[in-house]
PDB file of N, CA and C in Angstrom:
ATOM      1  N   MET A   1      99.670  14.312  35.021  1.00  0.00           N
ATOM      2  CA  MET A   1      99.599  12.910  34.669  1.00  0.00           C
ATOM      3  C   MET A   1     100.006  12.097  35.883  1.00  0.00           C
ATOM      4  N   GLY A   2      99.010  11.573  36.600  1.00  0.00           N
ATOM      5  CA  GLY A   2      99.296  10.819  37.813  1.00  0.00           C
ATOM      6  C   GLY A   2      99.623   9.375  37.506  1.00  0.00           C
ATOM      7  N   MET A   3     100.778   8.931  37.973  1.00  0.00           N
ATOM      8  CA  MET A   3     101.144   7.528  37.785  1.00  0.00           C
ATOM      9  C   MET A   3     100.730   6.743  39.003  1.00  0.00           C
ATOM     10  N   LYS A   4     100.058   5.636  38.771  1.00  0.00           N
ATOM     11  CA  LYS A   4      99.675   4.780  39.877  1.00  0.00           C
ATOM     12  C   LYS A   4     100.872   3.942  40.294  1.00  0.00           C
ATOM     13  N   MET A   5     101.098   3.902  41.588  1.00  0.00           N
ATOM     14  CA  MET A   5     102.165   3.064  42.095  1.00  0.00           C
ATOM     15  C   MET A   5     101.677   1.611  42.078  1.00  0.00           C
ATOM     16  N   LYS A   6     102.519   0.723  41.615  1.00  0.00           N
ATOM     17  CA  LYS A   6     102.138  -0.693  41.630  1.00  0.00           C
ATOM     18  C   LYS A   6     102.222  -1.196  43.057  1.00  0.00           C
ATOM     19  N   LEU A   7     101.138  -1.767  43.513  1.00  0.00           N
ATOM     20  CA  LEU A   7     101.081  -2.288  44.868  1.00  0.00           C
ATOM     21  C   LEU A   7     101.541  -3.747  44.869  1.00  0.00           C
ATOM     22  N   LYS A   8     102.242  -4.112  45.918  1.00  0.00           N
ATOM     23  CA  LYS A   8     102.756  -5.469  46.042  1.00  0.00           C
ATOM     24  C   LYS A   8     101.739  -6.329  46.791  1.00  0.00           C
ATOM     25  N   PRO A   9     101.316  -7.442  46.190  1.00  0.00           N
ATOM     26  CA  PRO A   9     100.387  -8.332  46.902  1.00  0.00           C
ATOM     27  C   PRO A   9     101.043  -8.897  48.166  1.00  0.00           C
ATOM     28  N   VAL A  10     100.304  -8.949  49.243  1.00  0.00           N
ATOM     29  CA  VAL A  10     100.878  -9.428  50.510  1.00  0.00           C
ATOM     30  C   VAL A  10     101.377 -10.867  50.396  1.00  0.00           C
ATOM     31  N   VAL A  11     100.794 -11.662  49.497  1.00  0.00           N
ATOM     32  CA  VAL A  11     101.244 -13.050  49.349  1.00  0.00           C
ATOM     33  C   VAL A  11     102.659 -13.149  48.789  1.00  0.00           C
ATOM     34  N   GLU A  12     103.170 -12.054  48.213  1.00  0.00           N
ATOM     35  CA  GLU A  12     104.537 -12.053  47.688  1.00  0.00           C
ATOM     36  C   GLU A  12     105.571 -11.690  48.748  1.00  0.00           C
ATOM     37  N   LEU A  13     105.110 -11.296  49.929  1.00  0.00           N
ATOM     38  CA  LEU A  13     106.041 -10.937  50.995  1.00  0.00           C
ATOM     39  C   LEU A  13     106.641 -12.179  51.632  1.00  0.00           C
ATOM     40  N   GLY A  14     107.905 -12.087  51.996  1.00  0.00           N
ATOM     41  CA  GLY A  14     108.505 -13.138  52.803  1.00  0.00           C
ATOM     42  C   GLY A  14     107.976 -13.014  54.228  1.00  0.00           C
ATOM     43  N   VAL A  15     108.136 -14.054  55.018  1.00  0.00           N
ATOM     44  CA  VAL A  15     107.615 -14.056  56.382  1.00  0.00           C
ATOM     45  C   VAL A  15     108.228 -12.928  57.207  1.00  0.00           C
ATOM     46  N   ALA A  16     109.538 -12.786  57.160  1.00  0.00           N
ATOM     47  CA  ALA A  16     110.200 -11.744  57.960  1.00  0.00           C
ATOM     48  C   ALA A  16     109.779 -10.349  57.505  1.00  0.00           C
ATOM     49  N   GLU A  17     109.641 -10.165  56.188  1.00  0.00           N
ATOM     50  CA  GLU A  17     109.223  -8.873  55.649  1.00  0.00           C
ATOM     51  C   GLU A  17     107.789  -8.547  56.073  1.00  0.00           C
ATOM     52  N   ALA A  18     106.901  -9.541  55.972  1.00  0.00           N
ATOM     53  CA  ALA A  18     105.506  -9.345  56.376  1.00  0.00           C
ATOM     54  C   ALA A  18     105.427  -9.014  57.867  1.00  0.00           C
ATOM     55  N   TYR A  19     106.186  -9.729  58.653  1.00  0.00           N
ATOM     56  CA  TYR A  19     106.197  -9.510  60.106  1.00  0.00           C
ATOM     57  C   TYR A  19     106.644  -8.082  60.422  1.00  0.00           C
ATOM     58  N   ALA A  20     107.731  -7.655  59.772  1.00  0.00           N
ATOM     59  CA  ALA A  20     108.258  -6.309  60.010  1.00  0.00           C
ATOM     60  C   ALA A  20     107.245  -5.234  59.632  1.00  0.00           C
ATOM     61  N   ILE A  21     106.552  -5.400  58.523  1.00  0.00           N
ATOM     62  CA  ILE A  21     105.548  -4.416  58.098  1.00  0.00           C
ATOM     63  C   ILE A  21     104.394  -4.377  59.090  1.00  0.00           C
ATOM     64  N   LEU A  22     103.933  -5.546  59.504  1.00  0.00           N
ATOM     65  CA  LEU A  22     102.825  -5.589  60.458  1.00  0.00           C
ATOM     66  C   LEU A  22     103.189  -4.891  61.770  1.00  0.00           C
ATOM     67  N   VAL A  23     104.388  -5.141  62.260  1.00  0.00           N
ATOM     68  CA  VAL A  23     104.811  -4.558  63.540  1.00  0.00           C
ATOM     69  C   VAL A  23     105.159  -3.081  63.389  1.00  0.00           C
ATOM     70  N   ASN A  24     105.979  -2.756  62.398  1.00  0.00           N
ATOM     71  CA  ASN A  24     106.505  -1.387  62.276  1.00  0.00           C
ATOM     72  C   ASN A  24     105.539  -0.408  61.621  1.00  0.00           C
ATOM     73  N   HIS A  25     104.796  -0.858  60.615  1.00  0.00           N
ATOM     74  CA  HIS A  25     103.888   0.064  59.918  1.00  0.00           C
ATOM     75  C   HIS A  25     102.507   0.087  60.558  1.00  0.00           C
ATOM     76  N   PHE A  26     101.999  -1.101  60.891  1.00  0.00           N
ATOM     77  CA  PHE A  26     100.633  -1.189  61.407  1.00  0.00           C
ATOM     78  C   PHE A  26     100.559  -1.247  62.930  1.00  0.00           C
ATOM     79  N   GLY A  27     101.705  -1.337  63.602  1.00  0.00           N
ATOM     80  CA  GLY A  27     101.701  -1.361  65.064  1.00  0.00           C
ATOM     81  C   GLY A  27     101.118  -2.636  65.653  1.00  0.00           C
ATOM     82  N   GLU A  28     101.181  -3.721  64.900  1.00  0.00           N
ATOM     83  CA  GLU A  28     100.634  -5.011  65.349  1.00  0.00           C
ATOM     84  C   GLU A  28     101.366  -5.473  66.609  1.00  0.00           C
ATOM     85  N   ASP A  29     100.599  -5.783  67.634  1.00  0.00           N
ATOM     86  CA  ASP A  29     101.222  -6.240  68.884  1.00  0.00           C
ATOM     87  C   ASP A  29     100.643  -7.572  69.368  1.00  0.00           C
ATOM     88  N   ARG A  30      99.913  -8.264  68.481  1.00  0.00           N
ATOM     89  CA  ARG A  30      99.296  -9.533  68.871  1.00  0.00           C
ATOM     90  C   ARG A  30     100.001 -10.735  68.250  1.00  0.00           C
ATOM     91  N   LEU A  31     101.206 -10.549  67.768  1.00  0.00           N
ATOM     92  CA  LEU A  31     101.909 -11.631  67.095  1.00  0.00           C
ATOM     93  C   LEU A  31     102.891 -12.324  68.030  1.00  0.00           C
ATOM     94  N   PRO A  32     103.054 -13.636  67.850  1.00  0.00           N
ATOM     95  CA  PRO A  32     104.121 -14.325  68.566  1.00  0.00           C
ATOM     96  C   PRO A  32     105.468 -13.794  68.044  1.00  0.00           C
ATOM     97  N   PRO A  33     106.557 -14.073  68.733  1.00  0.00           N
ATOM     98  CA  PRO A  33     107.869 -13.643  68.223  1.00  0.00           C
ATOM     99  C   PRO A  33     108.119 -14.192  66.814  1.00  0.00           C
ATOM    100  N   LEU A  34     108.869 -13.443  66.027  1.00  0.00           N
ATOM    101  CA  LEU A  34     109.170 -13.852  64.646  1.00  0.00           C
ATOM    102  C   LEU A  34     109.726 -15.266  64.605  1.00  0.00           C
ATOM    103  N   GLU A  35     110.607 -15.604  65.524  1.00  0.00           N
ATOM    104  CA  GLU A  35     111.225 -16.928  65.539  1.00  0.00           C
ATOM    105  C   GLU A  35     110.175 -18.036  65.666  1.00  0.00           C
ATOM    106  N   ALA A  36     109.054 -17.721  66.298  1.00  0.00           N
ATOM    107  CA  ALA A  36     107.999 -18.721  66.486  1.00  0.00           C
ATOM    108  C   ALA A  36     107.157 -18.928  65.234  1.00  0.00           C
ATOM    109  N   VAL A  37     107.105 -17.933  64.351  1.00  0.00           N
ATOM    110  CA  VAL A  37     106.242 -18.053  63.167  1.00  0.00           C
ATOM    111  C   VAL A  37     106.988 -18.312  61.871  1.00  0.00           C
ATOM    112  N   GLU A  38     108.277 -17.947  61.805  1.00  0.00           N
ATOM    113  CA  GLU A  38     108.934 -17.978  60.497  1.00  0.00           C
ATOM    114  C   GLU A  38     109.171 -19.372  59.928  1.00  0.00           C
ATOM    115  N   ASN A  39     109.231 -20.399  60.735  1.00  0.00           N
ATOM    116  CA  ASN A  39     109.470 -21.741  60.208  1.00  0.00           C
ATOM    117  C   ASN A  39     108.288 -22.673  60.416  1.00  0.00           C
ATOM    118  N   GLU A  40     107.131 -22.115  60.652  1.00  0.00           N
ATOM    119  CA  GLU A  40     105.927 -22.915  60.875  1.00  0.00           C
ATOM    120  C   GLU A  40     104.941 -22.697  59.731  1.00  0.00           C
ATOM    121  N   ASP A  41     104.252 -23.761  59.336  1.00  0.00           N
ATOM    122  CA  ASP A  41     103.269 -23.663  58.250  1.00  0.00           C
ATOM    123  C   ASP A  41     102.169 -22.655  58.596  1.00  0.00           C
ATOM    124  N   TRP A  42     101.747 -22.640  59.852  1.00  0.00           N
ATOM    125  CA  TRP A  42     100.667 -21.746  60.262  1.00  0.00           C
ATOM    126  C   TRP A  42     101.133 -20.296  60.376  1.00  0.00           C
ATOM    127  N   GLY A  43     102.433 -20.065  60.476  1.00  0.00           N
ATOM    128  CA  GLY A  43     102.958 -18.715  60.683  1.00  0.00           C
ATOM    129  C   GLY A  43     102.640 -17.769  59.548  1.00  0.00           C
ATOM    130  N   ARG A  44     102.861 -18.222  58.327  1.00  0.00           N
ATOM    131  CA  ARG A  44     102.569 -17.380  57.154  1.00  0.00           C
ATOM    132  C   ARG A  44     101.070 -17.085  57.069  1.00  0.00           C
ATOM    133  N   ASP A  45     100.250 -18.098  57.319  1.00  0.00           N
ATOM    134  CA  ASP A  45      98.802 -17.895  57.288  1.00  0.00           C
ATOM    135  C   ASP A  45      98.367 -16.884  58.349  1.00  0.00           C
ATOM    136  N   LEU A  46      98.968 -16.959  59.515  1.00  0.00           N
ATOM    137  CA  LEU A  46      98.646 -16.015  60.583  1.00  0.00           C
ATOM    138  C   LEU A  46      98.976 -14.586  60.146  1.00  0.00           C
ATOM    139  N   LEU A  47     100.160 -14.400  59.573  1.00  0.00           N
ATOM    140  CA  LEU A  47     100.561 -13.063  59.136  1.00  0.00           C
ATOM    141  C   LEU A  47      99.629 -12.548  58.036  1.00  0.00           C
ATOM    142  N   LEU A  48      99.332 -13.396  57.062  1.00  0.00           N
ATOM    143  CA  LEU A  48      98.447 -12.963  55.972  1.00  0.00           C
ATOM    144  C   LEU A  48      97.061 -12.607  56.503  1.00  0.00           C
ATOM    145  N   SER A  49      96.586 -13.338  57.493  1.00  0.00           N
ATOM    146  CA  SER A  49      95.264 -13.037  58.045  1.00  0.00           C
ATOM    147  C   SER A  49      95.247 -11.672  58.728  1.00  0.00           C
ATOM    148  N   ARG A  50      96.371 -11.258  59.284  1.00  0.00           N
ATOM    149  CA  ARG A  50      96.445  -9.939  59.926  1.00  0.00           C
ATOM    150  C   ARG A  50      96.336  -8.818  58.894  1.00  0.00           C
ATOM    151  N   PHE A  51      96.900  -9.033  57.697  1.00  0.00           N
ATOM    152  CA  PHE A  51      96.757  -8.029  56.638  1.00  0.00           C
ATOM    153  C   PHE A  51      95.298  -7.889  56.225  1.00  0.00           C
ATOM    154  N   GLU A  52      94.542  -8.986  56.265  1.00  0.00           N
ATOM    155  CA  GLU A  52      93.135  -8.955  55.869  1.00  0.00           C
ATOM    156  C   GLU A  52      92.285  -8.113  56.821  1.00  0.00           C
ATOM    157  N   GLU A  53      92.813  -7.784  57.984  1.00  0.00           N
ATOM    158  CA  GLU A  53      92.087  -6.957  58.947  1.00  0.00           C
ATOM    159  C   GLU A  53      92.167  -5.465  58.609  1.00  0.00           C
ATOM    160  N   HIS A  54      92.965  -5.131  57.594  1.00  0.00           N
ATOM    161  CA  HIS A  54      93.157  -3.732  57.221  1.00  0.00           C
ATOM    162  C   HIS A  54      92.415  -3.418  55.930  1.00  0.00           C
ATOM    163  N   THR A  55      92.025  -2.165  55.792  1.00  0.00           N
ATOM    164  CA  THR A  55      91.322  -1.736  54.586  1.00  0.00           C
ATOM    165  C   THR A  55      92.283  -1.660  53.401  1.00  0.00           C
ATOM    166  N   ALA A  56      91.726  -1.639  52.212  1.00  0.00           N
ATOM    167  CA  ALA A  56      92.544  -1.510  51.004  1.00  0.00           C
ATOM    168  C   ALA A  56      93.360  -0.221  51.048  1.00  0.00           C
ATOM    169  N   ALA A  57      92.776   0.855  51.578  1.00  0.00           N
ATOM    170  CA  ALA A  57      93.489   2.136  51.664  1.00  0.00           C
ATOM    171  C   ALA A  57      94.665   2.047  52.636  1.00  0.00           C
ATOM    172  N   GLU A  58      94.459   1.374  53.746  1.00  0.00           N
ATOM    173  CA  GLU A  58      95.559   1.211  54.717  1.00  0.00           C
ATOM    174  C   GLU A  58      96.689   0.381  54.120  1.00  0.00           C
ATOM    175  N   LEU A  59      96.322  -0.666  53.414  1.00  0.00           N
ATOM    176  CA  LEU A  59      97.341  -1.492  52.768  1.00  0.00           C
ATOM    177  C   LEU A  59      98.065  -0.703  51.679  1.00  0.00           C
ATOM    178  N   ALA A  60      97.314   0.054  50.881  1.00  0.00           N
ATOM    179  CA  ALA A  60      97.922   0.849  49.810  1.00  0.00           C
ATOM    180  C   ALA A  60      98.909   1.868  50.376  1.00  0.00           C
ATOM    181  N   ASP A  61      98.599   2.410  51.548  1.00  0.00           N
ATOM    182  CA  ASP A  61      99.499   3.353  52.200  1.00  0.00           C
ATOM    183  C   ASP A  61     100.849   2.705  52.502  1.00  0.00           C
ATOM    184  N   ALA A  62     100.847   1.399  52.689  1.00  0.00           N
ATOM    185  CA  ALA A  62     102.079   0.653  52.940  1.00  0.00           C
ATOM    186  C   ALA A  62     102.648   0.069  51.644  1.00  0.00           C
ATOM    187  N   GLY A  63     102.012   0.391  50.490  1.00  0.00           N
ATOM    188  CA  GLY A  63     102.473  -0.111  49.196  1.00  0.00           C
ATOM    189  C   GLY A  63     102.033  -1.535  48.915  1.00  0.00           C
ATOM    190  N   LEU A  64     100.971  -1.969  49.601  1.00  0.00           N
ATOM    191  CA  LEU A  64     100.526  -3.354  49.500  1.00  0.00           C
ATOM    192  C   LEU A  64      99.086  -3.462  49.019  1.00  0.00           C
ATOM    193  N   CYS A  65      98.713  -4.655  48.586  1.00  0.00           N
ATOM    194  CA  CYS A  65      97.328  -4.991  48.281  1.00  0.00           C
ATOM    195  C   CYS A  65      97.124  -6.451  48.648  1.00  0.00           C
ATOM    196  N   LEU A  66      95.880  -6.862  48.771  1.00  0.00           N
ATOM    197  CA  LEU A  66      95.616  -8.259  49.125  1.00  0.00           C
ATOM    198  C   LEU A  66      95.834  -9.202  47.947  1.00  0.00           C
ATOM    199  N   ILE A  67      95.409  -8.775  46.756  1.00  0.00           N
ATOM    200  CA  ILE A  67      95.566  -9.624  45.570  1.00  0.00           C
ATOM    201  C   ILE A  67      96.163  -8.798  44.432  1.00  0.00           C
ATOM    202  N   GLU A  68      96.752  -9.478  43.481  1.00  0.00           N
ATOM    203  CA  GLU A  68      97.330  -8.803  42.310  1.00  0.00           C
ATOM    204  C   GLU A  68      96.239  -8.047  41.575  1.00  0.00           C
ATOM    205  N   GLU A  69      96.501  -6.775  41.298  1.00  0.00           N
ATOM    206  CA  GLU A  69      95.505  -5.975  40.587  1.00  0.00           C
ATOM    207  C   GLU A  69      95.542  -6.309  39.103  1.00  0.00           C
ATOM    208  N   GLU A  70      94.370  -6.480  38.535  1.00  0.00           N
ATOM    209  CA  GLU A  70      94.270  -6.767  37.099  1.00  0.00           C
ATOM    210  C   GLU A  70      94.661  -5.530  36.298  1.00  0.00           C
ATOM    211  N   GLY A  71      95.270  -5.755  35.165  1.00  0.00           N
ATOM    212  CA  GLY A  71      95.562  -4.664  34.256  1.00  0.00           C
ATOM    213  C   GLY A  71      96.912  -4.012  34.481  1.00  0.00           C
ATOM    214  N   PHE A  72      97.640  -4.420  35.489  1.00  0.00           N
ATOM    215  CA  PHE A  72      98.988  -3.874  35.687  1.00  0.00           C
ATOM    216  C   PHE A  72      99.979  -4.782  35.010  1.00  0.00           C
ATOM    217  N   ALA A  73     100.917  -4.180  34.291  1.00  0.00           N
ATOM    218  CA  ALA A  73     101.929  -4.996  33.627  1.00  0.00           C
ATOM    219  C   ALA A  73     103.280  -4.698  34.220  1.00  0.00           C
TER     220      ALA A  73
END
């Protein structure tokens, strides 16, 4: 009986958490320093756009998804 792990939508991540995942899990090296993005309106959008560059399988490997999956309670 395989239980599906609930994936966390990237929009629920805080800026620092998203930044850390992008750098540490995905090896992202095209981001400005965290201090430059964490208090800017464009910073969150930039981080979210980087997640969109990854496949659903890559995101799932990190416990993430782009949007909330229907049918999970």
